[in-house]
Amino acid sequence: MAAVATFDPDGLWLSTSVCEGAACPLAAALGVRWGRWPDGQEALDARAAESARALAHLRRELGAHVTERFSLAGRGYDGANPRPQELVGEDAVACVFLQGTALLSVRTRAGFSSLLCDAGDWLLLPAGVPHVFDAGESPDVSFLRLTAGTRGWFPWHTGLSLPHSLPAKDAFVEHLLHELGEDIEGSGA
């Protein structure tokens, strides 16, 4: 399940939308796109073929690109390691989530939009979009990163501060579960 939330410029939560279908809008004016590999009861071969077609589509859209696999596990941020900072890159980047959950927050004209991504999700982030990628305090996420161009992804920090009330991944998940009426103790979050 992916979820999108919007926030005002001060990081105050405005709206939430749960995305369970094949696509979900996120900051459409910025060109950020999200999708989900096919789910359901189809045969494994059919799912694998559909996933391969979706990945081929992302690769065609990026043109010449570099593919890297990342696994983030163990210790994330805490008092000694501050939250992730806002980044921007000069090349488009796509992420295909293989395991775990991560939060992508994008700065918009109206404030921020945040997308909670899960294993089976993919997203495409155009070049030049300020964003924060947050895997949480105890990350356990694995993903493929496809970067347009031939040199890989080399982002830089925007230098802009994030509002303190803009939730980090773990706080986002907790708020979302409360909003949906889920029991946090039994959720594994």
Protein backbone atom coordinates (compact mmCIF):
# COMPACT_ATOMS: atom_id res chain seq x y z
CA MET A 1 0.00 0.00 0.00
CA ALA A 2 1.38 3.38 -0.95
CA ALA A 3 0.10 6.57 0.61
CA VAL A 4 0.43 10.20 -0.44
CA ALA A 5 0.10 13.08 2.00
CA THR A 6 0.26 16.80 1.36
CA PHE A 7 1.69 19.34 3.78
CA ASP A 8 1.68 23.13 3.91
CA PRO A 9 4.99 25.08 3.75
CA ASP A 10 5.30 24.76 7.55
CA GLY A 11 5.02 20.96 7.35
CA LEU A 12 1.48 20.72 8.74
CA TRP A 13 -0.45 17.66 7.47
CA LEU A 14 -3.24 18.67 5.05
CA SER A 15 -4.51 15.53 3.28
CA THR A 16 -3.92 11.80 2.86
CA SER A 17 -4.67 9.49 -0.04
CA VAL A 18 -4.09 5.72 -0.06
CA CYS A 19 -3.00 4.26 -3.40
CA GLU A 20 -3.77 0.61 -3.95
CA GLY A 21 -4.19 0.61 -7.72
CA ALA A 22 -1.76 0.63 -10.58
CA ALA A 23 -0.93 4.35 -10.36
CA CYS A 24 -1.04 7.19 -7.85
CA PRO A 25 -0.62 10.93 -8.47
CA LEU A 26 2.19 12.76 -6.65
CA ALA A 27 3.07 16.35 -7.33
CA ALA A 28 1.95 15.83 -10.93
CA ALA A 29 2.93 19.37 -11.84
CA LEU A 30 6.53 18.40 -11.06
CA GLY A 31 6.34 15.24 -13.17
CA VAL A 32 6.95 12.77 -10.31
CA ARG A 33 5.35 9.44 -11.20
CA TRP A 34 4.61 6.34 -9.16
CA GLY A 35 3.41 2.87 -10.05
CA ARG A 36 3.14 -0.61 -8.67
CA TRP A 37 4.27 -3.91 -10.10
CA PRO A 38 1.26 -6.09 -10.80
CA ASP A 39 -0.16 -7.82 -7.72
CA GLY A 40 -2.71 -10.52 -7.32
CA GLN A 41 -3.02 -14.20 -7.95
CA GLU A 42 -1.47 -14.37 -11.43
CA ALA A 43 1.11 -17.01 -12.08
CA LEU A 44 4.65 -16.06 -11.06
CA ASP A 45 5.79 -16.16 -14.71
CA ALA A 46 3.06 -13.71 -15.73
CA ARG A 47 3.97 -11.34 -12.87
CA ALA A 48 7.65 -11.56 -13.72
CA ALA A 49 6.92 -10.81 -17.38
CA GLU A 50 4.75 -7.80 -16.49
CA SER A 51 7.43 -6.51 -14.08
CA ALA A 52 10.06 -6.90 -16.80
CA ARG A 53 7.88 -4.85 -19.19
CA ALA A 54 7.42 -2.09 -16.58
CA LEU A 55 11.16 -1.99 -15.91
CA ALA A 56 11.87 -1.89 -19.66
CA HIS A 57 9.47 1.08 -19.92
CA LEU A 58 11.37 2.96 -17.18
CA ARG A 59 14.65 2.19 -18.93
CA ARG A 60 13.32 3.48 -22.28
CA GLU A 61 12.04 6.63 -20.61
CA LEU A 62 15.42 7.34 -19.01
CA GLY A 63 17.38 6.60 -22.19
CA ALA A 64 21.07 5.93 -21.52
CA HIS A 65 21.28 5.17 -17.81
CA VAL A 66 23.18 3.58 -14.96
CA THR A 67 21.52 0.90 -12.79
CA GLU A 68 22.69 0.38 -9.20
CA ARG A 69 21.32 -1.82 -6.42
CA PHE A 70 21.21 -0.44 -2.87
CA SER A 71 20.44 -2.04 0.45
CA LEU A 72 20.08 0.13 3.53
CA ALA A 73 19.90 -1.86 6.73
CA GLY A 74 20.64 -1.27 10.36
CA ARG A 75 21.15 2.13 11.89
CA GLY A 76 19.58 5.15 10.26
CA TYR A 77 19.36 8.58 11.79
CA ASP A 78 19.17 9.44 15.48
CA GLY A 79 20.55 12.17 17.72
CA ALA A 80 24.06 11.65 16.36
CA ASN A 81 22.91 11.23 12.73
CA PRO A 82 20.37 13.89 11.77
CA ARG A 83 17.41 13.21 9.46
CA PRO A 84 18.14 13.04 5.75
CA GLN A 85 18.60 16.40 4.06
CA GLU A 86 16.87 17.75 0.98
CA LEU A 87 18.65 16.80 -2.24
CA VAL A 88 18.38 17.72 -5.90
CA GLY A 89 20.01 16.03 -8.88
CA GLU A 90 20.72 17.16 -12.41
CA ASP A 91 19.61 13.80 -13.84
CA ALA A 92 16.27 11.99 -13.71
CA VAL A 93 16.23 8.98 -11.40
CA ALA A 94 13.92 5.99 -11.02
CA CYS A 95 13.72 3.74 -7.96
CA VAL A 96 12.31 0.21 -7.98
CA PHE A 97 11.65 -0.96 -4.42
CA LEU A 98 12.56 -4.61 -3.82
CA GLN A 99 12.18 -4.77 -0.02
CA GLY A 100 11.08 -2.54 2.84
CA THR A 101 9.48 0.89 3.02
CA ALA A 102 10.79 4.41 2.36
CA LEU A 103 9.31 7.91 2.31
CA LEU A 104 9.93 10.37 -0.53
CA SER A 105 9.03 13.98 0.29
CA VAL A 106 9.01 16.49 -2.55
CA ARG A 107 9.03 20.27 -2.12
CA THR A 108 6.16 21.84 -4.10
CA ARG A 109 4.92 25.41 -4.57
CA ALA A 110 2.16 24.72 -2.03
CA GLY A 111 4.42 23.03 0.54
CA PHE A 112 5.36 19.34 0.40
CA SER A 113 4.00 16.07 -0.93
CA SER A 114 5.17 12.81 0.62
CA LEU A 115 4.85 9.34 -0.89
CA LEU A 116 5.30 6.20 1.20
CA CYS A 117 6.80 3.52 -1.08
CA ASP A 118 6.80 -0.20 -0.38
CA ALA A 119 8.32 -3.30 -1.96
CA GLY A 120 6.79 -3.65 -5.42
CA ASP A 121 6.50 0.13 -6.00
CA TRP A 122 8.49 2.20 -8.47
CA LEU A 123 8.83 5.95 -8.85
CA LEU A 124 10.31 8.28 -11.41
CA LEU A 125 11.75 11.59 -10.22
CA PRO A 126 12.61 14.16 -12.90
CA ALA A 127 15.88 16.08 -12.82
CA GLY A 128 15.92 19.18 -10.65
CA VAL A 129 13.16 18.21 -8.19
CA PRO A 130 14.08 18.98 -4.55
CA HIS A 131 13.31 15.94 -2.40
CA VAL A 132 14.10 13.97 0.75
CA PHE A 133 14.51 10.18 0.70
CA ASP A 134 13.93 8.76 4.18
CA ALA A 135 14.30 5.05 5.06
CA GLY A 136 13.67 5.59 8.79
CA GLU A 137 15.52 5.17 12.06
CA SER A 138 16.09 1.43 11.50
CA PRO A 139 16.20 1.09 7.72
CA ASP A 140 15.65 -2.24 6.02
CA VAL A 141 15.08 -1.27 2.42
CA SER A 142 16.50 -2.55 -0.85
CA PHE A 143 15.97 -0.90 -4.24
CA LEU A 144 17.28 -0.51 -7.75
CA ARG A 145 18.22 3.03 -8.74
CA LEU A 146 18.24 3.85 -12.45
CA THR A 147 19.85 7.19 -13.26
CA ALA A 148 19.62 8.96 -16.60
CA GLY A 149 22.99 9.53 -18.23
CA THR A 150 26.15 7.49 -17.98
CA ARG A 151 27.82 8.65 -14.76
CA GLY A 152 25.39 7.60 -12.01
CA TRP A 153 23.49 9.79 -9.59
CA PHE A 154 25.38 12.61 -7.90
CA PRO A 155 22.90 14.88 -6.10
CA TRP A 156 23.70 17.91 -4.00
CA HIS A 157 22.10 19.35 -0.87
CA THR A 158 19.75 22.26 -1.52
CA GLY A 159 20.83 23.98 1.70
CA LEU A 160 17.16 24.65 2.50
CA SER A 161 15.96 23.65 5.93
CA LEU A 162 12.95 21.40 6.33
CA PRO A 163 10.15 22.38 8.70
CA HIS A 164 10.39 20.54 12.03
CA SER A 165 6.73 19.51 11.77
CA LEU A 166 7.27 17.73 8.41
CA PRO A 167 7.20 14.10 9.59
CA ALA A 168 10.10 11.73 9.08
CA LYS A 169 9.27 8.25 7.76
CA ASP A 170 8.58 6.57 11.11
CA ALA A 171 6.34 9.42 12.34
CA PHE A 172 4.60 9.44 8.93
CA VAL A 173 3.82 5.72 9.20
CA GLU A 174 2.57 6.10 12.78
CA HIS A 175 0.28 9.00 11.83
CA LEU A 176 -0.97 7.15 8.75
CA LEU A 177 -1.80 4.01 10.73
CA HIS A 178 -3.69 6.06 13.33
CA GLU A 179 -5.57 7.84 10.55
CA LEU A 180 -6.51 4.50 8.99
CA GLY A 181 -7.49 3.07 12.37
CA GLU A 182 -4.78 0.38 12.34
CA ASP A 183 -3.23 -1.06 15.48
CA ILE A 184 0.43 0.05 15.54
CA GLU A 185 1.48 -2.62 18.06
CA GLY A 186 0.46 -5.44 15.73
CA SER A 187 1.51 -3.78 12.49
CA GLY A 188 5.25 -4.36 12.65
CA ALA A 189 5.81 -0.65 11.94
